[in-house]
Amino acid sequence: MATENVDVFLGLPRGSFDHIPSYCKAQALAAIAEVRILEQNGIFRTGVHYIVLMDLCASTEAAKLLGQKLHEQRIQSFVTAAVAALGGGYLKAYAHFVKQIGDAVLLIFSSFIDLVSWWREAHDLFTLYSSAWNREVDTSGKPVLTNDLMGVFQIRAKTVVHIGEISYFDRNDPISVAVNQIFKIEKKFGPGDLGATQNVFDVAEPFFAQLDLTPTRAGSSKLPGHTLETPLWLLESDEASKYDLA
């Protein structure tokens, strides 16, 4: 896959992929090429799926402190890592990168095991990309990030999962009440968190032991269209998101 095609696939401005640090570019390019092939060969299926919203944390603060260019590069690196994580060769079922929504990405999975595997791979890539940016220098040999900006730039994300019936308006645009509802719960979680609704907990519980998950209650939320509060669960949390990477 050519670099310019990567930009188009990710929905980023042309040339965005050029900002990915050289340490990561080859790996990301190969992974995204694999995702492109999977999507070209896949069937966009109507049915019940896990709906995932992954949101880049601290974007408002980053925009103020990093400046526009570095802020955009941070978002672009986040989106690229989230998509590249789908290309790890571990997917056993159906997964669909739907679109970027501001500084968040929306995805659909048919397998909970695939979803958790992707989430863990994405956080490994966030660590890799953040560390790579800490070592990046400009054409004059000057560090792109000063020491006080490394923690600001670090890619941290929160992820929430809901489940629901999906149909497609066209080949790429999923329609579901659950898609609308998922935006209601993301504010209940923080950097590194993988949060889920009670519906996800009930369906996925048989896989918790296999995936070494020990969920804990994380409050509740009243979803649009519901009259009662829906319990929320913290399924897992990424430790690297809790501290700054040197």
Protein backbone atom coordinates (compact mmCIF):
# COMPACT_ATOMS: atom_id res chain seq x y z
CA MET A 1 0.00 0.00 0.00
CA ALA A 2 1.42 3.39 -1.01
CA THR A 3 1.74 6.06 1.68
CA GLU A 4 -0.82 8.32 0.00
CA ASN A 5 -3.33 5.45 -0.03
CA VAL A 6 -2.82 4.96 3.72
CA ASP A 7 -3.88 8.57 4.29
CA VAL A 8 -7.03 8.05 2.23
CA PHE A 9 -7.90 4.81 4.02
CA LEU A 10 -7.49 6.36 7.46
CA GLY A 11 -9.50 9.42 6.48
CA LEU A 12 -6.62 11.73 7.40
CA PRO A 13 -5.36 14.74 5.42
CA ARG A 14 -2.96 13.74 2.64
CA GLY A 15 0.59 13.50 3.95
CA SER A 16 -0.48 12.73 7.53
CA PHE A 17 1.16 9.31 7.49
CA ASP A 18 4.48 10.99 6.74
CA HIS A 19 4.46 12.31 10.31
CA ILE A 20 4.64 8.83 11.84
CA PRO A 21 8.12 8.44 13.36
CA SER A 22 10.56 6.50 11.23
CA TYR A 23 10.93 3.89 13.98
CA CYS A 24 7.29 2.84 13.50
CA LYS A 25 6.50 3.54 9.86
CA ALA A 26 7.37 0.19 8.25
CA GLN A 27 5.45 -1.80 10.87
CA ALA A 28 2.42 0.48 10.65
CA LEU A 29 2.39 0.43 6.86
CA ALA A 30 2.45 -3.38 6.75
CA ALA A 31 -0.28 -3.67 9.37
CA ILE A 32 -2.58 -1.17 7.66
CA ALA A 33 -2.06 -2.90 4.31
CA GLU A 34 -3.27 -6.11 5.97
CA VAL A 35 -6.36 -4.32 7.33
CA ARG A 36 -7.10 -2.93 3.86
CA ILE A 37 -7.03 -6.45 2.40
CA LEU A 38 -9.26 -7.78 5.18
CA GLU A 39 -11.83 -5.05 4.55
CA GLN A 40 -11.74 -5.52 0.78
CA ASN A 41 -12.36 -9.24 1.20
CA GLY A 42 -14.82 -8.96 4.05
CA ILE A 43 -18.56 -8.76 4.07
CA PHE A 44 -20.18 -5.92 5.97
CA ARG A 45 -22.67 -7.95 7.92
CA THR A 46 -25.92 -6.88 9.47
CA GLY A 47 -26.38 -8.39 12.91
CA VAL A 48 -25.41 -8.10 16.57
CA HIS A 49 -21.88 -6.76 17.10
CA TYR A 50 -19.62 -5.24 19.72
CA ILE A 51 -19.38 -1.50 19.10
CA VAL A 52 -16.15 0.16 20.22
CA LEU A 53 -15.38 3.84 20.73
CA MET A 54 -11.73 4.66 21.46
CA ASP A 55 -11.14 8.28 22.44
CA LEU A 56 -7.79 10.07 22.62
CA CYS A 57 -7.41 11.63 26.07
CA ALA A 58 -6.32 15.17 27.03
CA SER A 59 -6.74 16.63 23.54
CA THR A 60 -7.80 20.06 24.81
CA GLU A 61 -4.72 20.39 26.99
CA ALA A 62 -2.50 19.01 24.23
CA ALA A 63 -3.84 21.51 21.71
CA LYS A 64 -2.97 24.40 24.02
CA LEU A 65 0.52 23.21 24.97
CA LEU A 66 1.76 21.48 21.83
CA GLY A 67 0.60 23.94 19.21
CA GLN A 68 -1.49 23.09 16.18
CA LYS A 69 1.07 21.06 14.21
CA LEU A 70 2.14 18.73 17.01
CA HIS A 71 -1.47 18.44 18.20
CA GLU A 72 -2.51 17.24 14.74
CA GLN A 73 0.43 14.84 14.60
CA ARG A 74 -0.60 13.39 17.96
CA ILE A 75 -4.13 12.72 16.69
CA GLN A 76 -2.80 11.27 13.43
CA SER A 77 -0.43 8.97 15.34
CA PHE A 78 -3.31 7.80 17.55
CA VAL A 79 -5.57 6.98 14.60
CA THR A 80 -2.75 5.21 12.75
CA ALA A 81 -1.89 3.10 15.81
CA ALA A 82 -5.54 2.17 16.43
CA VAL A 83 -5.91 0.94 12.85
CA ALA A 84 -2.48 -0.70 12.66
CA ALA A 85 -3.39 -2.74 15.75
CA LEU A 86 -6.01 -4.53 13.65
CA GLY A 87 -3.24 -5.89 11.43
CA GLY A 88 -1.58 -8.15 13.98
CA GLY A 89 -2.73 -11.31 12.22
CA TYR A 90 -4.71 -12.49 15.25
CA LEU A 91 -8.26 -11.72 14.09
CA LYS A 92 -10.40 -14.85 14.01
CA ALA A 93 -13.69 -13.21 13.02
CA TYR A 94 -15.07 -9.95 11.65
CA ALA A 95 -13.73 -6.50 12.53
CA HIS A 96 -14.45 -3.18 10.85
CA PHE A 97 -12.68 0.16 11.30
CA VAL A 98 -15.69 2.42 10.72
CA LYS A 99 -14.34 5.95 10.86
CA GLN A 100 -12.52 8.67 12.71
CA ILE A 101 -14.74 11.04 14.68
CA GLY A 102 -12.65 14.04 15.70
CA ASP A 103 -10.04 12.66 18.10
CA ALA A 104 -11.82 9.29 18.45
CA VAL A 105 -12.27 6.17 16.33
CA LEU A 106 -15.30 3.92 15.96
CA LEU A 107 -14.88 0.18 15.30
CA ILE A 108 -17.09 -2.91 15.18
CA PHE A 109 -16.13 -6.45 16.23
CA SER A 110 -18.01 -9.72 16.02
CA SER A 111 -15.65 -11.47 18.48
CA PHE A 112 -14.96 -10.34 22.03
CA ILE A 113 -11.61 -12.16 22.02
CA ASP A 114 -10.59 -10.24 18.89
CA LEU A 115 -11.71 -7.00 20.51
CA VAL A 116 -9.58 -7.47 23.63
CA SER A 117 -6.59 -8.64 21.58
CA TRP A 118 -6.88 -5.52 19.43
CA TRP A 119 -7.21 -3.27 22.49
CA ARG A 120 -4.05 -4.68 24.04
CA GLU A 121 -2.13 -4.41 20.76
CA ALA A 122 -3.30 -0.81 20.33
CA HIS A 123 -1.95 0.13 23.75
CA ASP A 124 1.37 -1.53 22.97
CA LEU A 125 1.54 0.62 19.84
CA PHE A 126 0.60 3.75 21.79
CA THR A 127 3.62 3.09 24.02
CA LEU A 128 5.85 2.42 21.00
CA TYR A 129 4.69 5.51 19.10
CA SER A 130 4.96 7.77 22.17
CA SER A 131 8.49 6.56 22.91
CA ALA A 132 9.44 7.00 19.25
CA TRP A 133 8.21 10.58 19.24
CA ASN A 134 10.32 11.23 22.34
CA ARG A 135 13.40 10.33 20.26
CA GLU A 136 12.36 12.12 17.08
CA VAL A 137 14.51 15.01 15.87
CA ASP A 138 13.95 17.61 13.17
CA THR A 139 16.18 18.25 10.17
CA SER A 140 18.57 20.31 12.28
CA GLY A 141 18.95 17.53 14.84
CA LYS A 142 16.86 19.32 17.45
CA PRO A 143 14.37 17.18 19.45
CA VAL A 144 10.82 17.56 18.19
CA LEU A 145 9.52 17.33 21.75
CA THR A 146 11.11 19.10 24.69
CA ASN A 147 11.22 17.21 27.98
CA ASP A 148 8.24 19.11 29.37
CA LEU A 149 6.11 18.24 26.31
CA MET A 150 6.79 14.50 26.21
CA GLY A 151 4.11 13.72 28.77
CA VAL A 152 1.65 16.05 27.03
CA PHE A 153 2.18 14.36 23.66
CA GLN A 154 2.00 10.81 25.05
CA ILE A 155 -0.81 8.88 23.40
CA ARG A 156 -3.36 7.87 26.00
CA ALA A 157 -6.85 6.67 25.17
CA LYS A 158 -9.99 5.45 26.86
CA THR A 159 -12.11 2.76 25.25
CA VAL A 160 -15.75 1.86 25.77
CA VAL A 161 -17.69 -1.12 24.43
CA HIS A 162 -21.41 -1.60 23.88
CA ILE A 163 -23.33 -4.26 21.98
CA GLY A 164 -26.28 -4.00 19.65
CA GLU A 165 -27.94 -4.75 16.36
CA ILE A 166 -26.17 -3.18 13.39
CA SER A 167 -27.51 -2.45 9.92
CA TYR A 168 -25.78 -0.55 7.13
CA PHE A 169 -27.08 2.54 5.36
CA ASP A 170 -24.47 1.83 2.72
CA ARG A 171 -21.37 -0.35 2.64
CA ASN A 172 -19.51 1.65 5.28
CA ASP A 173 -22.01 3.48 7.46
CA PRO A 174 -23.46 1.44 10.35
CA ILE A 175 -26.81 2.38 11.84
CA SER A 176 -27.66 1.32 15.37
CA VAL A 177 -29.23 2.68 18.53
CA ALA A 178 -26.19 1.24 20.31
CA VAL A 179 -23.84 3.43 18.24
CA ASN A 180 -25.66 6.51 19.52
CA GLN A 181 -25.71 5.20 23.08
CA ILE A 182 -21.98 4.48 23.31
CA PHE A 183 -21.09 8.17 23.29
CA LYS A 184 -23.02 8.56 26.55
CA ILE A 185 -20.71 6.31 28.57
CA GLU A 186 -17.21 7.31 27.44
CA LYS A 187 -17.04 10.17 29.97
CA LYS A 188 -17.34 7.60 32.78
CA PHE A 189 -13.85 6.22 32.10
CA GLY A 190 -10.29 7.52 32.04
CA PRO A 191 -6.94 7.05 30.27
CA GLY A 192 -6.05 3.41 29.65
CA ASP A 193 -9.48 2.10 30.62
CA LEU A 194 -11.47 -0.52 28.75
CA GLY A 195 -15.03 0.05 29.88
CA ALA A 196 -18.23 -1.80 28.99
CA THR A 197 -21.96 -1.85 29.55
CA GLN A 198 -23.84 -4.54 31.43
CA ASN A 199 -25.00 -6.04 28.13
CA VAL A 200 -21.38 -6.58 27.08
CA PHE A 201 -20.57 -8.08 30.48
CA ASP A 202 -23.44 -10.56 30.23
CA VAL A 203 -22.53 -11.73 26.72
CA ALA A 204 -18.74 -11.79 27.11
CA GLU A 205 -18.47 -13.18 30.67
CA PRO A 206 -17.64 -16.75 29.52
CA PHE A 207 -14.40 -15.40 27.99
CA PHE A 208 -13.14 -13.43 31.01
CA ALA A 209 -11.08 -16.26 32.50
CA GLN A 210 -9.53 -17.12 29.13
CA LEU A 211 -8.51 -13.49 28.64
CA ASP A 212 -7.38 -13.05 32.25
CA LEU A 213 -9.94 -10.31 32.88
CA THR A 214 -11.22 -9.43 36.34
CA PRO A 215 -13.89 -6.76 35.75
CA THR A 216 -14.92 -4.33 38.47
CA ARG A 217 -18.06 -2.21 38.72
CA ALA A 218 -17.63 1.34 37.43
CA GLY A 219 -20.86 3.08 38.30
CA SER A 220 -23.80 3.37 35.95
CA SER A 221 -25.24 5.54 33.21
CA LYS A 222 -28.69 6.24 31.81
CA LEU A 223 -28.48 5.46 28.12
CA PRO A 224 -30.62 7.29 25.56
CA GLY A 225 -33.91 5.41 25.16
CA HIS A 226 -33.62 3.67 28.54
CA THR A 227 -35.63 4.52 31.64
CA LEU A 228 -33.28 2.81 34.10
CA GLU A 229 -29.58 3.25 34.79
CA THR A 230 -27.31 0.73 33.02
CA PRO A 231 -24.47 -0.73 35.15
CA LEU A 232 -20.98 -0.12 33.77
CA TRP A 233 -17.87 -2.26 34.12
CA LEU A 234 -14.14 -1.64 33.98
CA LEU A 235 -12.84 -4.70 32.16
CA GLU A 236 -9.13 -3.86 32.15
CA SER A 237 -6.79 -0.87 32.42
CA ASP A 238 -3.47 -0.28 30.69
CA GLU A 239 -0.74 0.47 33.22
CA ALA A 240 1.51 2.35 30.78
CA SER A 241 -1.20 4.97 30.45
CA LYS A 242 -0.87 5.85 34.12
CA TYR A 243 2.66 7.29 33.96
CA ASP A 244 4.79 9.33 31.59
CA LEU A 245 7.12 7.53 29.21
CA ALA A 246 10.67 8.89 29.28
